[in-house]
């Protein structure tokens, strides 16, 4: 049982579920991409969006698993519009292939939910030889967003409806390396600490959303970009690299941790709720606007990260 039911200005709380925050919302004219949609918060997000009529594109590493999930979701709403496409965010080639396939589908794109991620892994390099957590949690989503942005701009213009980009971050962004982003030591194994590296990638999610929001406002484009913390530790397969934490959480977590439906609430709130219309460059928690760390508000750090990410993804 979740102990904290205090409601914020939105009328929702940490206790609210994804279904609670989207009740009464009609998403039948919308199309959304959800990365990491085959498990955990991503799956629940895809389920609830589909339940509200949104055409959901599940971006998943394992297509067979994704198709099985799709069949399960169709049992709940047999007229749901769900597609499954392969996406491995640790591979820039896979990200580019996904973006190309989505473009070929001629679908509009109203909502992009950058949900997928890895947590506190042992030191590893991605397929592009970049530290895995930074590559997967930030760079893959940075590249994906840039490649899909023109489709989102066109959709917003033609539909006259606001587009929304949602980055899942974490309160873990407060526990990053001292300098925030180790621009000159991204691949330094000797100084690697898994939780600091995770915090770095989650800080990058916030800075990415903030700088993107600034640029979109400057262009006068009707697309918002926000970041969020889904909630206090939620027992998903993100914890697969930490057996003891996972075992303890599964045993006693129901007494003080969020459930997955509660963990997906803020994502669905920021993606769909009319209260969020026109709000951009903010950090949300428990379906309410919150405040990130000082580094999470650092505009110069956000601009430097943007340029650094363009270089690493060869998208200058």
C-alpha atoms as a PDB file:
ATOM      1  CA  UNK A   1       0.000   0.000   0.000  1.00  0.00           C
ATOM      2  CA  UNK A   2       1.346   3.391  -1.002  1.00  0.00           C
ATOM      3  CA  UNK A   3       1.472   5.572   2.093  1.00  0.00           C
ATOM      4  CA  UNK A   4       1.608   9.063   0.599  1.00  0.00           C
ATOM      5  CA  UNK A   5      -1.752  10.279  -0.697  1.00  0.00           C
ATOM      6  CA  UNK A   6      -1.152  14.032  -0.463  1.00  0.00           C
ATOM      7  CA  UNK A   7      -2.580  15.697  -3.581  1.00  0.00           C
ATOM      8  CA  UNK A   8      -0.711  18.464  -5.352  1.00  0.00           C
ATOM      9  CA  UNK A   9      -2.029  21.346  -7.425  1.00  0.00           C
ATOM     10  CA  UNK A  10      -3.011  18.973 -10.228  1.00  0.00           C
ATOM     11  CA  UNK A  11      -5.404  17.103  -7.955  1.00  0.00           C
ATOM     12  CA  UNK A  12      -3.294  13.957  -8.227  1.00  0.00           C
ATOM     13  CA  UNK A  13      -0.825  12.338  -5.851  1.00  0.00           C
ATOM     14  CA  UNK A  14       1.830   9.640  -5.631  1.00  0.00           C
ATOM     15  CA  UNK A  15      -1.059   7.241  -5.035  1.00  0.00           C
ATOM     16  CA  UNK A  16      -2.700   8.035  -8.415  1.00  0.00           C
ATOM     17  CA  UNK A  17      -2.419   5.443 -11.179  1.00  0.00           C
ATOM     18  CA  UNK A  18      -2.026   5.921 -14.920  1.00  0.00           C
ATOM     19  CA  UNK A  19      -5.710   5.119 -15.375  1.00  0.00           C
ATOM     20  CA  UNK A  20      -6.645   7.677 -12.704  1.00  0.00           C
ATOM     21  CA  UNK A  21      -4.796  10.573 -14.352  1.00  0.00           C
ATOM     22  CA  UNK A  22      -6.192   9.825 -17.834  1.00  0.00           C
ATOM     23  CA  UNK A  23      -9.796   9.050 -16.909  1.00  0.00           C
ATOM     24  CA  UNK A  24     -12.200  10.753 -19.311  1.00  0.00           C
ATOM     25  CA  UNK A  25      -9.484  11.699 -21.822  1.00  0.00           C
ATOM     26  CA  UNK A  26     -10.132  10.765 -25.469  1.00  0.00           C
ATOM     27  CA  UNK A  27      -6.899  10.043 -27.324  1.00  0.00           C
ATOM     28  CA  UNK A  28      -8.378   8.588 -30.498  1.00  0.00           C
ATOM     29  CA  UNK A  29      -6.866  11.271 -32.755  1.00  0.00           C
ATOM     30  CA  UNK A  30      -3.354  10.804 -31.378  1.00  0.00           C
ATOM     31  CA  UNK A  31      -0.354   8.649 -32.256  1.00  0.00           C
ATOM     32  CA  UNK A  32       2.390   7.953 -29.719  1.00  0.00           C
ATOM     33  CA  UNK A  33       5.724   6.154 -29.698  1.00  0.00           C
ATOM     34  CA  UNK A  34       6.694   4.526 -26.390  1.00  0.00           C
ATOM     35  CA  UNK A  35      10.240   3.192 -26.089  1.00  0.00           C
ATOM     36  CA  UNK A  36      10.754   0.176 -23.869  1.00  0.00           C
ATOM     37  CA  UNK A  37       7.067  -0.665 -24.113  1.00  0.00           C
ATOM     38  CA  UNK A  38       7.291  -4.412 -23.533  1.00  0.00           C
ATOM     39  CA  UNK A  39       7.751  -4.332 -19.755  1.00  0.00           C
ATOM     40  CA  UNK A  40       7.433  -2.264 -16.593  1.00  0.00           C
ATOM     41  CA  UNK A  41       6.406   1.377 -16.791  1.00  0.00           C
ATOM     42  CA  UNK A  42       6.665   1.354 -20.588  1.00  0.00           C
ATOM     43  CA  UNK A  43       4.193  -1.506 -20.899  1.00  0.00           C
ATOM     44  CA  UNK A  44       1.725   0.118 -18.506  1.00  0.00           C
ATOM     45  CA  UNK A  45       2.083   3.421 -20.353  1.00  0.00           C
ATOM     46  CA  UNK A  46       1.372   1.721 -23.682  1.00  0.00           C
ATOM     47  CA  UNK A  47      -1.585  -0.149 -22.186  1.00  0.00           C
ATOM     48  CA  UNK A  48      -3.247   2.938 -20.742  1.00  0.00           C
ATOM     49  CA  UNK A  49      -2.635   5.069 -23.840  1.00  0.00           C
ATOM     50  CA  UNK A  50      -4.171   2.321 -25.989  1.00  0.00           C
ATOM     51  CA  UNK A  51      -7.068   2.081 -23.524  1.00  0.00           C
ATOM     52  CA  UNK A  52      -7.689   5.811 -24.096  1.00  0.00           C
ATOM     53  CA  UNK A  53      -7.731   5.316 -27.869  1.00  0.00           C
ATOM     54  CA  UNK A  54      -4.214   6.455 -28.728  1.00  0.00           C
ATOM     55  CA  UNK A  55      -2.521   4.686 -31.649  1.00  0.00           C
ATOM     56  CA  UNK A  56       0.539   3.270 -29.868  1.00  0.00           C
ATOM     57  CA  UNK A  57       3.789   2.307 -31.549  1.00  0.00           C
ATOM     58  CA  UNK A  58       5.727   0.036 -29.218  1.00  0.00           C
ATOM     59  CA  UNK A  59       9.477   0.518 -29.743  1.00  0.00           C
ATOM     60  CA  UNK A  60      11.090  -2.611 -28.309  1.00  0.00           C
ATOM     61  CA  UNK A  61      14.360  -4.534 -28.440  1.00  0.00           C
ATOM     62  CA  UNK A  62      12.679  -7.940 -28.665  1.00  0.00           C
ATOM     63  CA  UNK A  63       9.950  -7.888 -31.306  1.00  0.00           C
ATOM     64  CA  UNK A  64       8.614 -11.351 -30.412  1.00  0.00           C
ATOM     65  CA  UNK A  65       8.052 -10.256 -26.808  1.00  0.00           C
ATOM     66  CA  UNK A  66       6.510  -7.024 -28.073  1.00  0.00           C
ATOM     67  CA  UNK A  67       4.056  -8.918 -30.261  1.00  0.00           C
ATOM     68  CA  UNK A  68       3.029 -11.119 -27.343  1.00  0.00           C
ATOM     69  CA  UNK A  69       2.414  -7.984 -25.265  1.00  0.00           C
ATOM     70  CA  UNK A  70       0.369  -6.519 -28.101  1.00  0.00           C
ATOM     71  CA  UNK A  71      -1.864  -9.612 -28.172  1.00  0.00           C
ATOM     72  CA  UNK A  72      -2.395  -9.306 -24.417  1.00  0.00           C
ATOM     73  CA  UNK A  73      -3.333  -5.633 -24.737  1.00  0.00           C
ATOM     74  CA  UNK A  74      -5.782  -6.406 -27.538  1.00  0.00           C
ATOM     75  CA  UNK A  75      -7.622  -8.729 -25.172  1.00  0.00           C
ATOM     76  CA  UNK A  76      -8.407  -5.713 -23.009  1.00  0.00           C
ATOM     77  CA  UNK A  77      -9.466  -3.498 -25.910  1.00  0.00           C
ATOM     78  CA  UNK A  78      -9.889  -5.432 -29.154  1.00  0.00           C
ATOM     79  CA  UNK A  79     -10.086  -2.304 -31.313  1.00  0.00           C
ATOM     80  CA  UNK A  80      -6.832  -0.867 -29.924  1.00  0.00           C
ATOM     81  CA  UNK A  81      -4.385   0.442 -32.515  1.00  0.00           C
ATOM     82  CA  UNK A  82      -0.970  -0.977 -31.660  1.00  0.00           C
ATOM     83  CA  UNK A  83       2.131  -1.492 -33.793  1.00  0.00           C
ATOM     84  CA  UNK A  84       5.424  -3.091 -32.790  1.00  0.00           C
ATOM     85  CA  UNK A  85       8.783  -1.969 -34.198  1.00  0.00           C
ATOM     86  CA  UNK A  86      12.308  -3.012 -33.249  1.00  0.00           C
ATOM     87  CA  UNK A  87      14.508  -0.489 -31.464  1.00  0.00           C
ATOM     88  CA  UNK A  88      17.788  -0.996 -29.620  1.00  0.00           C
ATOM     89  CA  UNK A  89      18.719   2.368 -28.112  1.00  0.00           C
ATOM     90  CA  UNK A  90      22.299   1.251 -27.472  1.00  0.00           C
ATOM     91  CA  UNK A  91      22.837   1.109 -31.246  1.00  0.00           C
ATOM     92  CA  UNK A  92      22.687   4.273 -33.354  1.00  0.00           C
ATOM     93  CA  UNK A  93      22.211   2.124 -36.446  1.00  0.00           C
ATOM     94  CA  UNK A  94      19.113   0.591 -34.849  1.00  0.00           C
ATOM     95  CA  UNK A  95      17.788   4.035 -33.898  1.00  0.00           C
ATOM     96  CA  UNK A  96      18.246   5.258 -37.479  1.00  0.00           C
ATOM     97  CA  UNK A  97      16.574   2.109 -38.857  1.00  0.00           C
ATOM     98  CA  UNK A  98      13.607   2.570 -36.515  1.00  0.00           C
ATOM     99  CA  UNK A  99      13.198   6.232 -37.498  1.00  0.00           C
ATOM    100  CA  UNK A 100      13.354   5.300 -41.185  1.00  0.00           C
ATOM    101  CA  UNK A 101      10.745   2.557 -40.766  1.00  0.00           C
ATOM    102  CA  UNK A 102       8.454   4.868 -38.839  1.00  0.00           C
ATOM    103  CA  UNK A 103       8.807   7.554 -41.499  1.00  0.00           C
ATOM    104  CA  UNK A 104       7.921   4.976 -44.178  1.00  0.00           C
ATOM    105  CA  UNK A 105       4.716   4.137 -42.300  1.00  0.00           C
ATOM    106  CA  UNK A 106       3.382   7.648 -43.056  1.00  0.00           C
ATOM    107  CA  UNK A 107       1.897   7.805 -39.577  1.00  0.00           C
ATOM    108  CA  UNK A 108       1.605  11.135 -37.774  1.00  0.00           C
ATOM    109  CA  UNK A 109       3.387  11.550 -34.434  1.00  0.00           C
ATOM    110  CA  UNK A 110       1.823  13.555 -31.624  1.00  0.00           C
ATOM    111  CA  UNK A 111       3.603  12.092 -28.595  1.00  0.00           C
ATOM    112  CA  UNK A 112       7.104  10.701 -28.123  1.00  0.00           C
ATOM    113  CA  UNK A 113       7.741   8.997 -24.791  1.00  0.00           C
ATOM    114  CA  UNK A 114      11.434   8.340 -24.182  1.00  0.00           C
ATOM    115  CA  UNK A 115      10.946   5.698 -21.514  1.00  0.00           C
ATOM    116  CA  UNK A 116      13.415   2.849 -22.075  1.00  0.00           C
ATOM    117  CA  UNK A 117      16.585   2.600 -20.044  1.00  0.00           C
ATOM    118  CA  UNK A 118      19.100   0.591 -18.081  1.00  0.00           C
ATOM    119  CA  UNK A 119      20.070   1.135 -14.443  1.00  0.00           C
ATOM    120  CA  UNK A 120      23.423   0.986 -12.654  1.00  0.00           C
ATOM    121  CA  UNK A 121      24.956  -1.646 -14.922  1.00  0.00           C
ATOM    122  CA  UNK A 122      28.526  -2.901 -14.618  1.00  0.00           C
ATOM    123  CA  UNK A 123      30.881  -0.957 -16.890  1.00  0.00           C
ATOM    124  CA  UNK A 124      30.106  -1.820 -20.504  1.00  0.00           C
ATOM    125  CA  UNK A 125      30.393  -0.103 -23.865  1.00  0.00           C
ATOM    126  CA  UNK A 126      27.542   0.186 -26.340  1.00  0.00           C
ATOM    127  CA  UNK A 127      27.729  -1.062 -29.916  1.00  0.00           C
ATOM    128  CA  UNK A 128      29.070   2.405 -30.767  1.00  0.00           C
ATOM    129  CA  UNK A 129      31.768   2.201 -28.062  1.00  0.00           C
ATOM    130  CA  UNK A 130      30.135   4.635 -25.640  1.00  0.00           C
ATOM    131  CA  UNK A 131      29.499   3.896 -21.954  1.00  0.00           C
ATOM    132  CA  UNK A 132      26.292   1.869 -21.965  1.00  0.00           C
ATOM    133  CA  UNK A 133      24.084   3.874 -19.588  1.00  0.00           C
ATOM    134  CA  UNK A 134      24.877   7.207 -21.227  1.00  0.00           C
ATOM    135  CA  UNK A 135      24.461   5.656 -24.678  1.00  0.00           C
ATOM    136  CA  UNK A 136      21.141   3.942 -23.947  1.00  0.00           C
ATOM    137  CA  UNK A 137      19.429   6.322 -21.546  1.00  0.00           C
ATOM    138  CA  UNK A 138      20.471   9.579 -23.185  1.00  0.00           C
ATOM    139  CA  UNK A 139      22.197   9.368 -26.578  1.00  0.00           C
ATOM    140  CA  UNK A 140      19.805   6.853 -28.133  1.00  0.00           C
ATOM    141  CA  UNK A 141      16.825   8.982 -27.142  1.00  0.00           C
ATOM    142  CA  UNK A 142      18.575  12.194 -28.193  1.00  0.00           C
ATOM    143  CA  UNK A 143      19.170  10.789 -31.671  1.00  0.00           C
ATOM    144  CA  UNK A 144      15.682   9.280 -31.897  1.00  0.00           C
ATOM    145  CA  UNK A 145      14.070  12.600 -30.949  1.00  0.00           C
ATOM    146  CA  UNK A 146      16.108  14.547 -33.497  1.00  0.00           C
ATOM    147  CA  UNK A 147      15.293  12.068 -36.270  1.00  0.00           C
ATOM    148  CA  UNK A 148      11.541  12.195 -35.526  1.00  0.00           C
ATOM    149  CA  UNK A 149      11.262  15.917 -34.851  1.00  0.00           C
ATOM    150  CA  UNK A 150      10.311  16.924 -38.387  1.00  0.00           C
ATOM    151  CA  UNK A 151       7.427  14.424 -38.355  1.00  0.00           C
ATOM    152  CA  UNK A 152       6.248  15.833 -35.025  1.00  0.00           C
ATOM    153  CA  UNK A 153       6.462  19.399 -36.339  1.00  0.00           C
ATOM    154  CA  UNK A 154       4.456  18.480 -39.426  1.00  0.00           C
ATOM    155  CA  UNK A 155       1.868  16.639 -37.330  1.00  0.00           C
ATOM    156  CA  UNK A 156       1.464  19.583 -34.959  1.00  0.00           C
ATOM    157  CA  UNK A 157       1.113  21.985 -37.869  1.00  0.00           C
ATOM    158  CA  UNK A 158      -1.380  19.899 -39.856  1.00  0.00           C
ATOM    159  CA  UNK A 159      -3.463  18.701 -36.908  1.00  0.00           C
ATOM    160  CA  UNK A 160      -3.296  22.028 -35.055  1.00  0.00           C
ATOM    161  CA  UNK A 161      -2.690  20.007 -31.903  1.00  0.00           C
ATOM    162  CA  UNK A 162       0.205  20.369 -29.498  1.00  0.00           C
ATOM    163  CA  UNK A 163       2.898  17.710 -29.757  1.00  0.00           C
ATOM    164  CA  UNK A 164       4.518  16.400 -26.575  1.00  0.00           C
ATOM    165  CA  UNK A 165       7.943  14.915 -25.915  1.00  0.00           C
ATOM    166  CA  UNK A 166       8.340  13.189 -22.562  1.00  0.00           C
ATOM    167  CA  UNK A 167      11.713  12.139 -21.130  1.00  0.00           C
ATOM    168  CA  UNK A 168      11.724   9.722 -18.209  1.00  0.00           C
ATOM    169  CA  UNK A 169      14.441  10.819 -15.813  1.00  0.00           C
ATOM    170  CA  UNK A 170      14.773   9.974 -12.117  1.00  0.00           C
ATOM    171  CA  UNK A 171      15.496  11.554  -8.767  1.00  0.00           C
ATOM    172  CA  UNK A 172      18.694   9.577  -9.228  1.00  0.00           C
ATOM    173  CA  UNK A 173      19.873  12.551 -11.310  1.00  0.00           C
ATOM    174  CA  UNK A 174      20.812  14.166  -7.991  1.00  0.00           C
ATOM    175  CA  UNK A 175      23.460  11.466  -7.459  1.00  0.00           C
ATOM    176  CA  UNK A 176      25.608  12.023 -10.532  1.00  0.00           C
ATOM    177  CA  UNK A 177      29.321  12.683 -10.793  1.00  0.00           C
ATOM    178  CA  UNK A 178      30.444  15.950  -9.156  1.00  0.00           C
ATOM    179  CA  UNK A 179      30.719  17.722 -12.524  1.00  0.00           C
ATOM    180  CA  UNK A 180      27.325  16.425 -13.627  1.00  0.00           C
ATOM    181  CA  UNK A 181      28.345  15.220 -17.084  1.00  0.00           C
ATOM    182  CA  UNK A 182      31.854  13.830 -17.550  1.00  0.00           C
ATOM    183  CA  UNK A 183      32.320  15.175 -21.072  1.00  0.00           C
ATOM    184  CA  UNK A 184      36.021  14.246 -21.204  1.00  0.00           C
ATOM    185  CA  UNK A 185      35.687  10.955 -19.346  1.00  0.00           C
ATOM    186  CA  UNK A 186      32.505   9.338 -20.649  1.00  0.00           C
ATOM    187  CA  UNK A 187      34.352   6.073 -21.322  1.00  0.00           C
ATOM    188  CA  UNK A 188      36.729   6.170 -18.340  1.00  0.00           C
ATOM    189  CA  UNK A 189      36.420   2.728 -16.778  1.00  0.00           C
ATOM    190  CA  UNK A 190      38.871   3.500 -13.959  1.00  0.00           C
ATOM    191  CA  UNK A 191      36.637   6.234 -12.525  1.00  0.00           C
ATOM    192  CA  UNK A 192      33.362   4.458 -13.264  1.00  0.00           C
ATOM    193  CA  UNK A 193      30.770   4.057 -10.512  1.00  0.00           C
ATOM    194  CA  UNK A 194      27.534   2.473 -11.698  1.00  0.00           C
ATOM    195  CA  UNK A 195      25.122   4.629  -9.667  1.00  0.00           C
ATOM    196  CA  UNK A 196      26.916   7.894 -10.514  1.00  0.00           C
ATOM    197  CA  UNK A 197      26.853   6.877 -14.180  1.00  0.00           C
ATOM    198  CA  UNK A 198      23.129   6.203 -13.901  1.00  0.00           C
ATOM    199  CA  UNK A 199      22.627   9.614 -12.269  1.00  0.00           C
ATOM    200  CA  UNK A 200      24.647  11.226 -15.057  1.00  0.00           C
ATOM    201  CA  UNK A 201      22.404   9.678 -17.716  1.00  0.00           C
ATOM    202  CA  UNK A 202      19.253  10.748 -15.868  1.00  0.00           C
ATOM    203  CA  UNK A 203      20.597  14.293 -15.479  1.00  0.00           C
ATOM    204  CA  UNK A 204      21.199  14.232 -19.226  1.00  0.00           C
ATOM    205  CA  UNK A 205      17.505  13.346 -19.771  1.00  0.00           C
ATOM    206  CA  UNK A 206      16.464  16.502 -17.915  1.00  0.00           C
ATOM    207  CA  UNK A 207      19.008  18.748 -19.637  1.00  0.00           C
ATOM    208  CA  UNK A 208      18.004  17.338 -23.026  1.00  0.00           C
ATOM    209  CA  UNK A 209      14.321  18.120 -22.429  1.00  0.00           C
ATOM    210  CA  UNK A 210      15.139  21.615 -21.145  1.00  0.00           C
ATOM    211  CA  UNK A 211      17.348  22.581 -24.084  1.00  0.00           C
ATOM    212  CA  UNK A 212      14.891  21.051 -26.555  1.00  0.00           C
ATOM    213  CA  UNK A 213      12.051  23.026 -24.947  1.00  0.00           C
ATOM    214  CA  UNK A 214      14.080  26.235 -25.273  1.00  0.00           C
ATOM    215  CA  UNK A 215      14.799  25.585 -28.947  1.00  0.00           C
ATOM    216  CA  UNK A 216      11.194  24.694 -29.770  1.00  0.00           C
ATOM    217  CA  UNK A 217       9.939  27.858 -28.059  1.00  0.00           C
ATOM    218  CA  UNK A 218      12.479  29.888 -29.998  1.00  0.00           C
ATOM    219  CA  UNK A 219      11.190  28.359 -33.248  1.00  0.00           C
ATOM    220  CA  UNK A 220       7.582  28.993 -32.268  1.00  0.00           C
ATOM    221  CA  UNK A 221       6.761  25.297 -32.736  1.00  0.00           C
ATOM    222  CA  UNK A 222       3.742  23.926 -30.879  1.00  0.00           C
ATOM    223  CA  UNK A 223       5.609  21.018 -29.296  1.00  0.00           C
ATOM    224  CA  UNK A 224       6.469  20.763 -25.606  1.00  0.00           C
ATOM    225  CA  UNK A 225       9.345  18.861 -24.004  1.00  0.00           C
ATOM    226  CA  UNK A 226       9.342  17.875 -20.351  1.00  0.00           C
ATOM    227  CA  UNK A 227      11.102  15.414 -18.062  1.00  0.00           C
ATOM    228  CA  UNK A 228       9.863  13.485 -15.049  1.00  0.00           C
ATOM    229  CA  UNK A 229      10.620  11.212 -12.140  1.00  0.00           C
ATOM    230  CA  UNK A 230       8.206   8.244 -12.136  1.00  0.00           C
ATOM    231  CA  UNK A 231       8.366   7.747  -8.367  1.00  0.00           C
ATOM    232  CA  UNK A 232      10.195   6.225  -5.448  1.00  0.00           C
ATOM    233  CA  UNK A 233      11.797   2.912  -6.334  1.00  0.00           C
ATOM    234  CA  UNK A 234       9.468   0.898  -8.526  1.00  0.00           C
ATOM    235  CA  UNK A 235      10.226  -2.798  -8.864  1.00  0.00           C
ATOM    236  CA  UNK A 236      10.687  -3.284 -12.599  1.00  0.00           C
ATOM    237  CA  UNK A 237      13.274  -5.252 -14.560  1.00  0.00           C
ATOM    238  CA  UNK A 238      15.536  -2.179 -14.372  1.00  0.00           C
ATOM    239  CA  UNK A 239      16.698  -3.750 -11.103  1.00  0.00           C
ATOM    240  CA  UNK A 240      17.869  -6.953 -12.785  1.00  0.00           C
ATOM    241  CA  UNK A 241      21.550  -6.130 -12.182  1.00  0.00           C
ATOM    242  CA  UNK A 242      20.977  -5.836  -8.421  1.00  0.00           C
ATOM    243  CA  UNK A 243      19.719  -9.177  -7.130  1.00  0.00           C
ATOM    244  CA  UNK A 244      19.587  -8.393  -3.415  1.00  0.00           C
ATOM    245  CA  UNK A 245      17.795  -5.052  -3.888  1.00  0.00           C
ATOM    246  CA  UNK A 246      15.374  -6.723  -6.274  1.00  0.00           C
ATOM    247  CA  UNK A 247      14.647  -9.599  -3.881  1.00  0.00           C
ATOM    248  CA  UNK A 248      14.061  -7.301  -0.905  1.00  0.00           C
ATOM    249  CA  UNK A 249      11.915  -4.975  -2.988  1.00  0.00           C
ATOM    250  CA  UNK A 250       9.729  -7.776  -4.274  1.00  0.00           C
ATOM    251  CA  UNK A 251       9.194  -9.000  -0.700  1.00  0.00           C
ATOM    252  CA  UNK A 252       8.411  -5.774   1.185  1.00  0.00           C
ATOM    253  CA  UNK A 253       8.013  -3.236  -1.615  1.00  0.00           C
ATOM    254  CA  UNK A 254       4.226  -3.378  -1.603  1.00  0.00           C
ATOM    255  CA  UNK A 255       4.242  -1.632   1.766  1.00  0.00           C
ATOM    256  CA  UNK A 256       6.182   1.485   0.791  1.00  0.00           C
ATOM    257  CA  UNK A 257       7.063   1.462  -2.906  1.00  0.00           C
ATOM    258  CA  UNK A 258       5.013   2.499  -5.890  1.00  0.00           C
ATOM    259  CA  UNK A 259       3.275  -0.088  -8.009  1.00  0.00           C
ATOM    260  CA  UNK A 260       3.906  -0.062 -11.756  1.00  0.00           C
ATOM    261  CA  UNK A 261       0.442   1.504 -12.469  1.00  0.00           C
ATOM    262  CA  UNK A 262       1.358   4.286 -10.011  1.00  0.00           C
ATOM    263  CA  UNK A 263       4.832   4.564 -11.547  1.00  0.00           C
ATOM    264  CA  UNK A 264       3.364   5.107 -15.022  1.00  0.00           C
ATOM    265  CA  UNK A 265       0.954   7.813 -13.829  1.00  0.00           C
ATOM    266  CA  UNK A 266       3.229  10.829 -14.237  1.00  0.00           C
ATOM    267  CA  UNK A 267       4.246   9.724 -17.742  1.00  0.00           C
ATOM    268  CA  UNK A 268       0.618   9.419 -18.835  1.00  0.00           C
ATOM    269  CA  UNK A 269      -0.282  12.689 -17.098  1.00  0.00           C
ATOM    270  CA  UNK A 270       2.438  14.653 -18.894  1.00  0.00           C
ATOM    271  CA  UNK A 271       1.686  12.922 -22.207  1.00  0.00           C
ATOM    272  CA  UNK A 272      -2.105  13.307 -22.240  1.00  0.00           C
ATOM    273  CA  UNK A 273      -3.594  15.571 -19.601  1.00  0.00           C
ATOM    274  CA  UNK A 274      -5.022  18.959 -20.709  1.00  0.00           C
ATOM    275  CA  UNK A 275      -3.585  20.595 -17.558  1.00  0.00           C
ATOM    276  CA  UNK A 276      -0.118  20.223 -19.100  1.00  0.00           C
ATOM    277  CA  UNK A 277      -1.001  22.075 -22.315  1.00  0.00           C
ATOM    278  CA  UNK A 278       1.569  24.755 -23.101  1.00  0.00           C
ATOM    279  CA  UNK A 279       3.896  23.721 -20.257  1.00  0.00           C
ATOM    280  CA  UNK A 280       7.436  23.028 -21.451  1.00  0.00           C
ATOM    281  CA  UNK A 281      10.885  22.668 -19.954  1.00  0.00           C
ATOM    282  CA  UNK A 282       9.552  21.483 -16.598  1.00  0.00           C
ATOM    283  CA  UNK A 283      10.341  18.539 -14.332  1.00  0.00           C
ATOM    284  CA  UNK A 284       7.381  16.539 -12.987  1.00  0.00           C
ATOM    285  CA  UNK A 285       6.949  14.135 -10.097  1.00  0.00           C
ATOM    286  CA  UNK A 286       3.773  12.478  -8.762  1.00  0.00           C
ATOM    287  CA  UNK A 287       1.790  14.116 -11.602  1.00  0.00           C
ATOM    288  CA  UNK A 288       2.733  17.606 -10.434  1.00  0.00           C
ATOM    289  CA  UNK A 289       5.428  20.103 -11.387  1.00  0.00           C
ATOM    290  CA  UNK A 290       8.497  19.658  -9.204  1.00  0.00           C
ATOM    291  CA  UNK A 291      12.058  20.976  -9.074  1.00  0.00           C
ATOM    292  CA  UNK A 292      15.203  19.206 -10.298  1.00  0.00           C
ATOM    293  CA  UNK A 293      18.684  19.730  -8.880  1.00  0.00           C
ATOM    294  CA  UNK A 294      20.661  22.930  -9.498  1.00  0.00           C
ATOM    295  CA  UNK A 295      22.555  21.097 -12.247  1.00  0.00           C
ATOM    296  CA  UNK A 296      19.205  20.085 -13.736  1.00  0.00           C
ATOM    297  CA  UNK A 297      18.458  23.793 -14.239  1.00  0.00           C
ATOM    298  CA  UNK A 298      21.893  24.708 -15.625  1.00  0.00           C
ATOM    299  CA  UNK A 299      21.284  26.231 -19.078  1.00  0.00           C
ATOM    300  CA  UNK A 300      24.970  26.324 -20.001  1.00  0.00           C
ATOM    301  CA  UNK A 301      25.374  22.665 -19.068  1.00  0.00           C
ATOM    302  CA  UNK A 302      22.307  21.832 -21.181  1.00  0.00           C
ATOM    303  CA  UNK A 303      23.722  23.662 -24.207  1.00  0.00           C
ATOM    304  CA  UNK A 304      27.103  21.984 -23.811  1.00  0.00           C
ATOM    305  CA  UNK A 305      25.426  18.571 -23.553  1.00  0.00           C
ATOM    306  CA  UNK A 306      23.409  19.315 -26.692  1.00  0.00           C
ATOM    307  CA  UNK A 307      26.553  20.106 -28.706  1.00  0.00           C
ATOM    308  CA  UNK A 308      28.378  17.106 -27.235  1.00  0.00           C
ATOM    309  CA  UNK A 309      25.462  14.827 -28.168  1.00  0.00           C
ATOM    310  CA  UNK A 310      25.326  16.166 -31.722  1.00  0.00           C
ATOM    311  CA  UNK A 311      29.001  15.294 -32.109  1.00  0.00           C
ATOM    312  CA  UNK A 312      28.650  11.776 -30.683  1.00  0.00           C
ATOM    313  CA  UNK A 313      25.615  11.010 -32.864  1.00  0.00           C
ATOM    314  CA  UNK A 314      27.109  12.626 -35.990  1.00  0.00           C
ATOM    315  CA  UNK A 315      24.049  14.836 -36.438  1.00  0.00           C
ATOM    316  CA  UNK A 316      25.678  18.267 -36.636  1.00  0.00           C
END
